[in-house]
Amino acid sequence: MKLSARNQLKGTIIEINEGAVNAIVKINVGNDNIITADITLQSVKELELEVGKEVIAVIKSTSVMIGVE
């Protein structure tokens, strides 16, 4: 798979929480660093995602925002 997004992190799915329409997928990308993705249930099924499966988190964003109180 070739993508224009340069932020690609290999990891392992550690948790999938399914909701009514979407699922929250948690991926351990090493050293207990967790990436969380909110994707559709249909994508979970089409990609055959399950805990323990190795995946690639692809991050494409035009900006990163940081906030503090």
N, C-alpha and C. Protein backbone atom coordinates (compact mmCIF):
# COMPACT_ATOMS: atom_id res chain seq x y z
N MET A 1 0.84 -1.16 0.00
CA MET A 1 0.00 0.00 0.00
C MET A 1 0.89 1.23 0.00
N LYS A 2 0.68 2.13 -0.95
CA LYS A 2 1.41 3.39 -0.99
C LYS A 2 0.40 4.52 -0.81
N LEU A 3 0.73 5.43 0.11
CA LEU A 3 -0.13 6.57 0.39
C LEU A 3 0.71 7.84 0.42
N SER A 4 0.07 8.97 0.19
CA SER A 4 0.79 10.24 0.28
C SER A 4 1.03 10.65 1.73
N ALA A 5 0.23 10.14 2.65
CA ALA A 5 0.40 10.48 4.07
C ALA A 5 1.72 9.90 4.58
N ARG A 6 2.53 10.72 5.20
CA ARG A 6 3.83 10.27 5.68
C ARG A 6 3.79 9.77 7.11
N ASN A 7 2.75 10.11 7.84
CA ASN A 7 2.63 9.68 9.23
C ASN A 7 1.94 8.32 9.28
N GLN A 8 2.72 7.26 9.19
CA GLN A 8 2.21 5.90 9.22
C GLN A 8 2.89 5.16 10.36
N LEU A 9 2.09 4.70 11.31
CA LEU A 9 2.63 4.03 12.49
C LEU A 9 2.11 2.59 12.56
N LYS A 10 3.03 1.64 12.53
CA LYS A 10 2.64 0.24 12.66
C LYS A 10 2.33 -0.07 14.10
N GLY A 11 1.31 -0.88 14.32
CA GLY A 11 0.95 -1.23 15.68
C GLY A 11 0.02 -2.42 15.73
N THR A 12 -0.45 -2.71 16.93
CA THR A 12 -1.34 -3.85 17.18
C THR A 12 -2.60 -3.35 17.86
N ILE A 13 -3.74 -3.81 17.37
CA ILE A 13 -5.02 -3.44 17.98
C ILE A 13 -5.09 -4.07 19.37
N ILE A 14 -5.39 -3.22 20.37
CA ILE A 14 -5.50 -3.72 21.74
C ILE A 14 -6.94 -3.67 22.25
N GLU A 15 -7.80 -2.90 21.56
CA GLU A 15 -9.18 -2.78 22.03
C GLU A 15 -10.06 -2.24 20.91
N ILE A 16 -11.28 -2.76 20.82
CA ILE A 16 -12.29 -2.25 19.90
C ILE A 16 -13.58 -2.09 20.69
N ASN A 17 -14.08 -0.86 20.76
CA ASN A 17 -15.36 -0.59 21.43
C ASN A 17 -16.37 -0.18 20.38
N GLU A 18 -17.34 -1.07 20.13
CA GLU A 18 -18.33 -0.80 19.10
C GLU A 18 -19.52 -0.05 19.66
N GLY A 19 -19.93 1.00 18.95
CA GLY A 19 -21.12 1.76 19.28
C GLY A 19 -22.22 1.43 18.30
N ALA A 20 -23.22 2.28 18.21
CA ALA A 20 -24.35 2.05 17.31
C ALA A 20 -23.95 2.19 15.85
N VAL A 21 -23.04 3.13 15.56
CA VAL A 21 -22.64 3.41 14.18
C VAL A 21 -21.13 3.32 13.99
N ASN A 22 -20.39 3.80 14.98
CA ASN A 22 -18.92 3.85 14.89
C ASN A 22 -18.28 2.93 15.91
N ALA A 23 -16.98 2.76 15.77
CA ALA A 23 -16.19 1.99 16.73
C ALA A 23 -14.95 2.80 17.09
N ILE A 24 -14.54 2.69 18.34
CA ILE A 24 -13.30 3.29 18.80
C ILE A 24 -12.27 2.16 18.82
N VAL A 25 -11.20 2.33 18.03
CA VAL A 25 -10.16 1.31 17.91
C VAL A 25 -8.88 1.86 18.53
N LYS A 26 -8.32 1.11 19.49
CA LYS A 26 -7.08 1.52 20.14
C LYS A 26 -5.94 0.66 19.63
N ILE A 27 -4.86 1.33 19.22
CA ILE A 27 -3.70 0.66 18.62
C ILE A 27 -2.46 0.99 19.43
N ASN A 28 -1.74 -0.04 19.86
CA ASN A 28 -0.47 0.15 20.55
C ASN A 28 0.61 0.24 19.48
N VAL A 29 1.27 1.40 19.38
CA VAL A 29 2.28 1.60 18.34
C VAL A 29 3.69 1.46 18.89
N GLY A 30 3.81 0.90 20.09
CA GLY A 30 5.11 0.65 20.69
C GLY A 30 5.33 1.44 21.96
N ASN A 31 6.05 0.84 22.89
CA ASN A 31 6.35 1.49 24.17
C ASN A 31 5.09 1.96 24.89
N ASP A 32 4.01 1.20 24.73
CA ASP A 32 2.71 1.53 25.32
C ASP A 32 2.16 2.89 24.89
N ASN A 33 2.55 3.35 23.70
CA ASN A 33 1.95 4.55 23.11
C ASN A 33 0.72 4.10 22.34
N ILE A 34 -0.43 4.69 22.68
CA ILE A 34 -1.70 4.26 22.12
C ILE A 34 -2.25 5.33 21.18
N ILE A 35 -2.62 4.92 19.97
CA ILE A 35 -3.33 5.77 19.01
C ILE A 35 -4.79 5.32 19.04
N THR A 36 -5.72 6.27 19.10
CA THR A 36 -7.14 5.95 19.11
C THR A 36 -7.77 6.46 17.82
N ALA A 37 -8.53 5.61 17.15
CA ALA A 37 -9.20 5.98 15.91
C ALA A 37 -10.70 5.74 16.05
N ASP A 38 -11.49 6.68 15.54
CA ASP A 38 -12.94 6.56 15.50
C ASP A 38 -13.32 6.26 14.05
N ILE A 39 -13.75 5.03 13.78
CA ILE A 39 -14.08 4.63 12.41
C ILE A 39 -15.47 3.99 12.38
N THR A 40 -16.01 3.81 11.20
CA THR A 40 -17.34 3.21 11.08
C THR A 40 -17.30 1.72 11.38
N LEU A 41 -18.44 1.20 11.83
CA LEU A 41 -18.55 -0.24 12.05
C LEU A 41 -18.35 -1.00 10.75
N GLN A 42 -18.82 -0.42 9.65
CA GLN A 42 -18.64 -1.07 8.35
C GLN A 42 -17.15 -1.24 8.03
N SER A 43 -16.34 -0.23 8.36
CA SER A 43 -14.90 -0.33 8.13
C SER A 43 -14.28 -1.42 9.00
N VAL A 44 -14.74 -1.54 10.24
CA VAL A 44 -14.24 -2.59 11.13
C VAL A 44 -14.48 -3.96 10.49
N LYS A 45 -15.68 -4.13 9.93
CA LYS A 45 -16.03 -5.42 9.31
C LYS A 45 -15.27 -5.64 8.01
N GLU A 46 -15.22 -4.61 7.15
CA GLU A 46 -14.55 -4.76 5.86
C GLU A 46 -13.05 -5.03 6.01
N LEU A 47 -12.43 -4.41 7.03
CA LEU A 47 -10.99 -4.61 7.26
C LEU A 47 -10.71 -5.82 8.14
N GLU A 48 -11.79 -6.47 8.59
CA GLU A 48 -11.69 -7.64 9.47
C GLU A 48 -10.82 -7.35 10.68
N LEU A 49 -11.09 -6.19 11.31
CA LEU A 49 -10.30 -5.78 12.47
C LEU A 49 -10.70 -6.59 13.69
N GLU A 50 -9.70 -6.95 14.49
CA GLU A 50 -9.92 -7.67 15.73
C GLU A 50 -8.72 -7.43 16.64
N VAL A 51 -8.94 -7.59 17.94
CA VAL A 51 -7.85 -7.41 18.90
C VAL A 51 -6.71 -8.37 18.55
N GLY A 52 -5.48 -7.85 18.58
CA GLY A 52 -4.30 -8.64 18.26
C GLY A 52 -3.84 -8.51 16.82
N LYS A 53 -4.69 -7.96 15.94
CA LYS A 53 -4.31 -7.81 14.54
C LYS A 53 -3.33 -6.66 14.37
N GLU A 54 -2.29 -6.88 13.55
CA GLU A 54 -1.33 -5.83 13.25
C GLU A 54 -1.90 -4.95 12.14
N VAL A 55 -1.81 -3.63 12.35
CA VAL A 55 -2.37 -2.66 11.42
C VAL A 55 -1.40 -1.48 11.28
N ILE A 56 -1.75 -0.56 10.40
CA ILE A 56 -0.99 0.68 10.25
C ILE A 56 -1.94 1.84 10.49
N ALA A 57 -1.61 2.69 11.45
CA ALA A 57 -2.38 3.92 11.69
C ALA A 57 -1.83 4.97 10.74
N VAL A 58 -2.70 5.50 9.89
CA VAL A 58 -2.31 6.51 8.92
C VAL A 58 -2.91 7.84 9.36
N ILE A 59 -2.06 8.84 9.54
CA ILE A 59 -2.51 10.12 10.06
C ILE A 59 -2.24 11.19 9.00
N LYS A 60 -3.30 11.84 8.56
CA LYS A 60 -3.18 12.90 7.57
C LYS A 60 -3.97 14.09 8.09
N SER A 61 -3.28 15.17 8.34
CA SER A 61 -3.95 16.34 8.88
C SER A 61 -3.29 17.60 8.33
N THR A 62 -4.10 18.63 8.16
CA THR A 62 -3.54 19.89 7.67
C THR A 62 -3.05 20.75 8.82
N SER A 63 -3.47 20.43 10.05
CA SER A 63 -3.00 21.20 11.20
C SER A 63 -3.13 20.38 12.47
N VAL A 64 -2.33 20.73 13.45
CA VAL A 64 -2.41 20.11 14.76
C VAL A 64 -2.67 21.23 15.76
N MET A 65 -3.69 21.04 16.60
CA MET A 65 -4.03 22.06 17.59
C MET A 65 -3.72 21.53 18.99
N ILE A 66 -3.26 22.40 19.85
CA ILE A 66 -2.99 22.07 21.25
C ILE A 66 -3.68 23.12 22.10
N GLY A 67 -4.34 22.67 23.15
CA GLY A 67 -5.02 23.61 24.05
C GLY A 67 -4.66 23.36 25.49
N VAL A 68 -4.76 24.40 26.29
CA VAL A 68 -4.53 24.28 27.73
C VAL A 68 -5.61 25.08 28.45
N GLU A 69 -5.82 24.76 29.71
CA GLU A 69 -6.78 25.50 30.54
C GLU A 69 -6.15 26.79 31.02
